[in-house]
Amino acid sequence: MSAAADFLRPEPAPGRIRAFLRLVMIEHSVFALPFAYIAALTAMRNQTSSVHWMQLLLVTIAMVGLRTFAMAANRIIDREIDARNPRTAGRELVTGTVSVRSAWTGALLALVVFLGAAALLNPLCLALAPVAVVPMVVYPYGKRFTDYPHAILGLAQAMGPIGAWLAVTGTWSWDAVILGLAVGVWIGGFDLIFACQDVAADRAHGVRSVPARFGITGALYGARACHAVTAVLLAWYGVATGAGALWWVGLAVVAVAFVYEHSIVKPGDLSRLNRAFFTVNGVIGISLFAFALLDLLTRGLHG
């Protein structure tokens, strides 16, 4: 089917909003939001020790808007690749549950929401907003020209905490960069794990990735290295921001979760990969945020 015919495909039945939300997996915002909140709340504690709820709401809207745009763009750009992979052949754009026109409409609305939230936060956020958008669009193309598209994804995700800090202070912070790098390396690492299930399809159709190039064993070792670096960066962030004991308890929980994650995914057994990817990584983000919040509250942050 040509691109023009695909674009003009009739709209699906009522319920397409729910289908679009399934397309972008809106519930997976849980992976990135906690770290944006950690950055924003740390900045608030440093500035006034008070939670600025409107800023926090706008950070949430901006994060969800940008992530929604990124996921929709990813699905649109990758729909032909998805159609050739048995694991992804049931995705909404492949089956026609969501039309390309609906996906583009949702993506552009999400982008407008992101830019609007950035504009309401401060001029620097709006000026730098395009910088955050670029890697979101480049990432799905990455698997066509590099064996390391996971690094592009990591760069895209690193923007969250940095942007959240900028949203609160309007100024650059190297502490936020440390946290952003931690998030980027973390997400890049678990993307290595997730990509292992597509090795056969990727090799058959020329899709590039670390598992396709170096094998599942190599990718899993790479993920372990990424998560070790993540733990080091999170410790560095704790030192840089003068974190208290509860932060370090949270980091210990994260370390245990990383060990568990890598213990249940083996080169010859990927049967528990979804548990490692979805459940464990969700626990990592929420647990660290909970301990970070408690730590900030004990160090003077108040509502």
Protein backbone atom coordinates (compact mmCIF):
# COMPACT_ATOMS: atom_id res chain seq x y z
CA MET A 1 0.00 0.00 0.00
CA SER A 2 1.37 3.45 -0.91
CA ALA A 3 2.06 6.11 1.70
CA ALA A 4 -0.73 8.29 0.24
CA ALA A 5 -3.28 5.48 0.38
CA ASP A 6 -2.17 4.64 3.91
CA PHE A 7 -2.65 8.26 4.98
CA LEU A 8 -6.14 8.39 3.43
CA ARG A 9 -7.30 5.16 5.04
CA PRO A 10 -10.78 5.70 6.56
CA GLU A 11 -10.95 6.49 10.23
CA PRO A 12 -11.63 3.53 12.54
CA ALA A 13 -14.79 3.08 14.58
CA PRO A 14 -15.51 5.05 17.77
CA GLY A 15 -13.02 4.27 20.50
CA ARG A 16 -10.06 5.44 18.46
CA ILE A 17 -8.88 7.60 21.36
CA ARG A 18 -8.52 4.48 23.49
CA ALA A 19 -6.81 2.77 20.58
CA PHE A 20 -4.41 5.69 20.23
CA LEU A 21 -3.60 5.53 23.95
CA ARG A 22 -2.85 1.82 23.53
CA LEU A 23 -0.68 2.67 20.53
CA VAL A 24 1.49 5.04 22.57
CA MET A 25 1.36 2.81 25.69
CA ILE A 26 0.46 5.80 27.84
CA GLU A 27 0.88 3.82 31.06
CA HIS A 28 4.62 3.53 30.42
CA SER A 29 5.05 7.19 31.34
CA VAL A 30 5.78 5.71 34.78
CA PHE A 31 9.34 4.96 33.63
CA ALA A 32 10.39 8.56 33.04
CA LEU A 33 8.08 10.69 35.22
CA PRO A 34 9.56 9.72 38.62
CA PHE A 35 13.00 11.00 37.65
CA ALA A 36 11.59 14.26 36.31
CA TYR A 37 9.83 14.66 39.66
CA ILE A 38 13.05 13.95 41.56
CA ALA A 39 14.83 16.68 39.60
CA ALA A 40 11.99 19.19 39.91
CA LEU A 41 11.47 18.62 43.63
CA THR A 42 15.19 18.76 44.37
CA ALA A 43 15.37 22.10 42.55
CA MET A 44 12.36 23.36 44.51
CA ARG A 45 13.91 22.28 47.79
CA ASN A 46 17.14 24.09 46.88
CA GLN A 47 15.33 27.28 45.88
CA THR A 48 12.50 27.85 48.35
CA SER A 49 11.96 24.51 50.15
CA SER A 50 8.35 24.67 48.90
CA VAL A 51 6.55 22.52 46.35
CA HIS A 52 5.23 24.65 43.49
CA TRP A 53 2.27 22.61 42.38
CA MET A 54 1.55 24.47 39.16
CA GLN A 55 5.14 23.98 38.01
CA LEU A 56 4.92 20.30 38.89
CA LEU A 57 1.66 19.99 36.94
CA LEU A 58 3.19 21.68 33.89
CA VAL A 59 6.26 19.42 34.10
CA THR A 60 3.90 16.42 34.12
CA ILE A 61 1.95 17.72 31.12
CA ALA A 62 5.16 18.47 29.22
CA MET A 63 6.64 15.04 29.94
CA VAL A 64 3.50 13.12 28.98
CA GLY A 65 3.00 15.28 25.90
CA LEU A 66 6.53 14.78 24.63
CA ARG A 67 6.53 11.06 25.36
CA THR A 68 3.17 10.64 23.61
CA PHE A 69 4.51 12.46 20.54
CA ALA A 70 7.66 10.34 20.58
CA MET A 71 5.80 7.04 20.82
CA ALA A 72 3.32 7.98 18.10
CA ALA A 73 6.12 9.11 15.79
CA ASN A 74 8.01 5.88 16.54
CA ARG A 75 5.01 3.73 15.65
CA ILE A 76 4.32 5.70 12.46
CA ILE A 77 7.92 5.57 11.25
CA ASP A 78 8.32 1.88 12.15
CA ARG A 79 4.97 0.57 10.93
CA GLU A 80 6.46 -1.32 7.96
CA ILE A 81 9.16 -2.88 10.16
CA ASP A 82 6.49 -3.77 12.74
CA ALA A 83 4.42 -5.51 10.04
CA ARG A 84 7.32 -7.87 9.26
CA ASN A 85 7.96 -8.83 12.89
CA PRO A 86 5.59 -11.45 14.39
CA ARG A 87 5.89 -9.83 17.84
CA THR A 88 4.74 -6.42 16.62
CA ALA A 89 2.45 -7.41 13.73
CA GLY A 90 -0.58 -6.88 15.95
CA ARG A 91 0.17 -3.22 16.68
CA GLU A 92 -2.61 -0.78 15.95
CA LEU A 93 -1.08 0.89 12.89
CA VAL A 94 -0.33 -2.48 11.32
CA THR A 95 -3.83 -3.90 11.85
CA GLY A 96 -5.61 -0.64 10.98
CA THR A 97 -7.15 -0.18 14.44
CA VAL A 98 -5.53 3.26 14.30
CA SER A 99 -5.07 4.99 10.94
CA VAL A 100 -1.90 6.83 10.03
CA ARG A 101 -3.94 10.04 9.86
CA SER A 102 -5.23 9.52 13.41
CA ALA A 103 -1.73 8.71 14.65
CA TRP A 104 -0.31 11.89 13.09
CA THR A 105 -3.18 13.92 14.51
CA GLY A 106 -2.56 12.55 18.00
CA ALA A 107 1.20 13.04 17.65
CA LEU A 108 0.88 16.66 16.57
CA LEU A 109 -1.66 17.44 19.31
CA ALA A 110 0.72 15.93 21.87
CA LEU A 111 3.55 18.07 20.46
CA VAL A 112 1.41 21.20 20.78
CA VAL A 113 0.63 20.26 24.39
CA PHE A 114 4.34 19.82 25.10
CA LEU A 115 5.28 23.14 23.52
CA GLY A 116 2.42 24.89 25.32
CA ALA A 117 3.51 23.54 28.69
CA ALA A 118 7.14 24.52 27.96
CA ALA A 119 6.01 28.06 27.08
CA LEU A 120 4.06 28.36 30.32
CA LEU A 121 7.05 27.20 32.38
CA ASN A 122 9.68 29.73 31.26
CA PRO A 123 11.31 31.15 28.11
CA LEU A 124 14.37 28.89 28.38
CA CYS A 125 12.21 25.76 28.39
CA LEU A 126 10.43 26.93 25.26
CA ALA A 127 13.70 27.86 23.53
CA LEU A 128 15.21 24.44 24.27
CA ALA A 129 12.05 22.45 23.53
CA PRO A 130 13.12 21.63 19.93
CA VAL A 131 16.36 20.15 21.31
CA ALA A 132 14.27 17.65 23.27
CA VAL A 133 12.12 16.80 20.24
CA VAL A 134 14.94 15.98 17.80
CA PRO A 135 16.23 12.72 19.37
CA MET A 136 12.63 11.52 19.76
CA VAL A 137 12.26 11.60 15.98
CA VAL A 138 15.79 10.41 15.18
CA TYR A 139 15.54 7.32 17.42
CA PRO A 140 13.21 5.20 15.24
CA TYR A 141 15.40 5.95 12.21
CA GLY A 142 18.48 4.92 14.21
CA LYS A 143 17.90 1.22 13.69
CA ARG A 144 18.31 1.88 9.96
CA PHE A 145 21.81 3.39 10.15
CA THR A 146 23.49 2.36 13.41
CA ASP A 147 23.91 -0.72 15.56
CA TYR A 148 23.41 1.48 18.63
CA PRO A 149 19.90 2.99 18.41
CA HIS A 150 19.59 2.31 22.14
CA ALA A 151 22.06 5.13 22.78
CA ILE A 152 19.81 7.55 20.88
CA LEU A 153 16.88 6.43 23.03
CA GLY A 154 18.99 6.98 26.14
CA LEU A 155 19.86 10.50 24.98
CA ALA A 156 16.19 11.24 24.39
CA GLN A 157 15.24 10.03 27.86
CA ALA A 158 18.06 11.93 29.53
CA MET A 159 16.28 15.15 28.58
CA GLY A 160 13.52 14.57 31.16
CA PRO A 161 15.30 15.36 34.43
CA ILE A 162 17.33 18.14 32.81
CA GLY A 163 14.18 19.74 31.44
CA ALA A 164 12.36 19.38 34.76
CA TRP A 165 15.18 21.18 36.59
CA LEU A 166 15.20 23.93 33.96
CA ALA A 167 11.44 24.22 34.35
CA VAL A 168 11.80 25.08 38.03
CA THR A 169 14.93 27.23 38.02
CA GLY A 170 15.21 28.59 34.49
CA THR A 171 18.96 27.92 34.69
CA TRP A 172 21.37 25.15 33.73
CA SER A 173 22.38 22.58 36.35
CA TRP A 174 25.13 19.96 36.13
CA ASP A 175 23.43 18.08 38.97
CA ALA A 176 20.45 17.62 36.67
CA VAL A 177 22.79 16.45 33.91
CA ILE A 178 24.12 13.72 36.22
CA LEU A 179 20.57 12.53 36.93
CA GLY A 180 19.68 12.80 33.24
CA LEU A 181 22.67 10.66 32.30
CA ALA A 182 21.66 8.10 34.92
CA VAL A 183 18.17 7.88 33.41
CA GLY A 184 19.50 7.73 29.85
CA VAL A 185 21.98 4.94 30.59
CA TRP A 186 19.34 3.06 32.59
CA ILE A 187 16.74 3.18 29.83
CA GLY A 188 19.33 2.46 27.15
CA GLY A 189 20.35 -0.60 29.17
CA PHE A 190 16.88 -2.05 29.51
CA ASP A 191 16.22 -1.33 25.83
CA LEU A 192 19.17 -3.66 25.15
CA ILE A 193 17.34 -6.34 27.11
CA PHE A 194 14.03 -5.68 25.36
CA ALA A 195 15.63 -5.82 21.89
CA CYS A 196 16.89 -9.35 22.53
CA GLN A 197 13.50 -10.82 21.72
CA ASP A 198 13.66 -9.45 18.17
CA VAL A 199 17.07 -10.77 17.12
CA ALA A 200 15.78 -13.24 14.53
CA ALA A 201 13.37 -10.77 12.92
CA ASP A 202 15.90 -7.93 12.99
CA ARG A 203 18.58 -10.01 11.31
CA ALA A 204 16.13 -11.31 8.71
CA HIS A 205 14.98 -7.82 7.73
CA GLY A 206 18.17 -5.81 8.17
CA VAL A 207 17.06 -3.94 11.31
CA ARG A 208 20.13 -2.87 13.26
CA SER A 209 20.63 -3.20 17.02
CA VAL A 210 23.23 -4.37 19.52
CA PRO A 211 21.60 -7.83 19.90
CA ALA A 212 21.37 -8.23 16.13
CA ARG A 213 25.05 -7.30 15.73
CA PHE A 214 26.63 -8.89 18.80
CA GLY A 215 24.10 -11.51 19.86
CA ILE A 216 21.92 -11.85 22.93
CA THR A 217 24.81 -12.65 25.25
CA GLY A 218 26.69 -9.53 24.20
CA ALA A 219 23.57 -7.38 24.61
CA LEU A 220 22.88 -8.71 28.10
CA TYR A 221 26.46 -8.01 29.17
CA GLY A 222 26.05 -4.53 27.75
CA ALA A 223 22.84 -4.05 29.76
CA ARG A 224 24.62 -5.12 32.94
CA ALA A 225 27.37 -2.60 32.29
CA CYS A 226 24.79 0.12 31.65
CA HIS A 227 22.99 -0.59 34.90
CA ALA A 228 26.23 -0.66 36.87
CA VAL A 229 27.03 2.78 35.43
CA THR A 230 23.49 3.90 36.31
CA ALA A 231 24.04 2.98 39.95
CA VAL A 232 27.32 4.93 39.98
CA LEU A 233 25.66 7.99 38.43
CA LEU A 234 22.80 7.86 40.92
CA ALA A 235 25.33 7.71 43.75
CA TRP A 236 27.17 10.68 42.21
CA TYR A 237 23.88 12.58 42.05
CA GLY A 238 23.24 11.81 45.71
CA VAL A 239 26.65 13.18 46.68
CA ALA A 240 26.33 16.23 44.42
CA THR A 241 22.95 17.21 45.88
CA GLY A 242 23.76 16.40 49.50
CA ALA A 243 21.16 13.64 49.70
CA GLY A 244 20.34 12.11 53.06
CA ALA A 245 20.13 8.54 54.29
CA LEU A 246 16.78 7.78 52.66
CA TRP A 247 18.19 8.45 49.19
CA TRP A 248 20.85 5.83 49.81
CA VAL A 249 18.24 3.35 51.01
CA GLY A 250 16.39 3.95 47.75
CA LEU A 251 19.59 3.43 45.79
CA ALA A 252 20.12 0.13 47.61
CA VAL A 253 16.61 -0.95 46.54
CA VAL A 254 17.48 -0.03 42.96
CA ALA A 255 20.69 -2.05 43.12
CA VAL A 256 18.80 -5.11 44.38
CA ALA A 257 16.23 -4.67 41.61
CA PHE A 258 18.99 -4.51 39.00
CA VAL A 259 20.53 -7.73 40.33
CA TYR A 260 17.12 -9.44 40.24
CA GLU A 261 16.39 -8.13 36.74
CA HIS A 262 19.59 -9.58 35.36
CA SER A 263 19.16 -12.85 37.23
CA ILE A 264 15.86 -13.66 35.50
CA VAL A 265 16.93 -12.94 31.91
CA LYS A 266 19.45 -15.38 30.46
CA PRO A 267 20.79 -15.77 26.91
CA GLY A 268 19.04 -19.10 26.59
CA ASP A 269 15.86 -18.13 28.46
CA LEU A 270 14.00 -14.91 27.65
CA SER A 271 10.69 -16.20 29.02
CA ARG A 272 10.70 -13.67 31.87
CA LEU A 273 11.87 -10.73 29.78
CA ASN A 274 8.57 -8.87 30.10
CA ARG A 275 8.74 -9.14 33.88
CA ALA A 276 12.24 -7.69 33.80
CA PHE A 277 11.28 -4.94 31.38
CA PHE A 278 7.89 -3.80 32.60
CA THR A 279 7.54 -4.83 36.24
CA VAL A 280 11.08 -4.44 37.57
CA ASN A 281 11.79 -1.18 35.79
CA GLY A 282 8.50 0.25 36.97
CA VAL A 283 9.44 -0.71 40.53
CA ILE A 284 12.86 0.93 40.11
CA GLY A 285 11.41 4.28 39.08
CA ILE A 286 8.63 4.39 41.66
CA SER A 287 10.78 3.10 44.54
CA LEU A 288 13.60 5.56 43.96
CA PHE A 289 11.12 8.43 43.66
CA ALA A 290 9.41 7.42 46.91
CA PHE A 291 12.68 7.35 48.85
CA ALA A 292 13.91 10.54 47.19
CA LEU A 293 10.68 12.31 48.14
CA LEU A 294 10.91 11.13 51.74
CA ASP A 295 14.51 12.27 51.83
CA LEU A 296 13.62 15.72 50.50
CA LEU A 297 10.78 16.04 53.00
CA THR A 298 13.07 15.19 55.90
CA ARG A 299 15.52 17.83 54.61
CA GLY A 300 12.98 20.62 54.63
CA LEU A 301 10.81 20.34 51.51
CA HIS A 302 7.19 21.13 52.29
CA GLY A 303 3.98 21.63 50.38
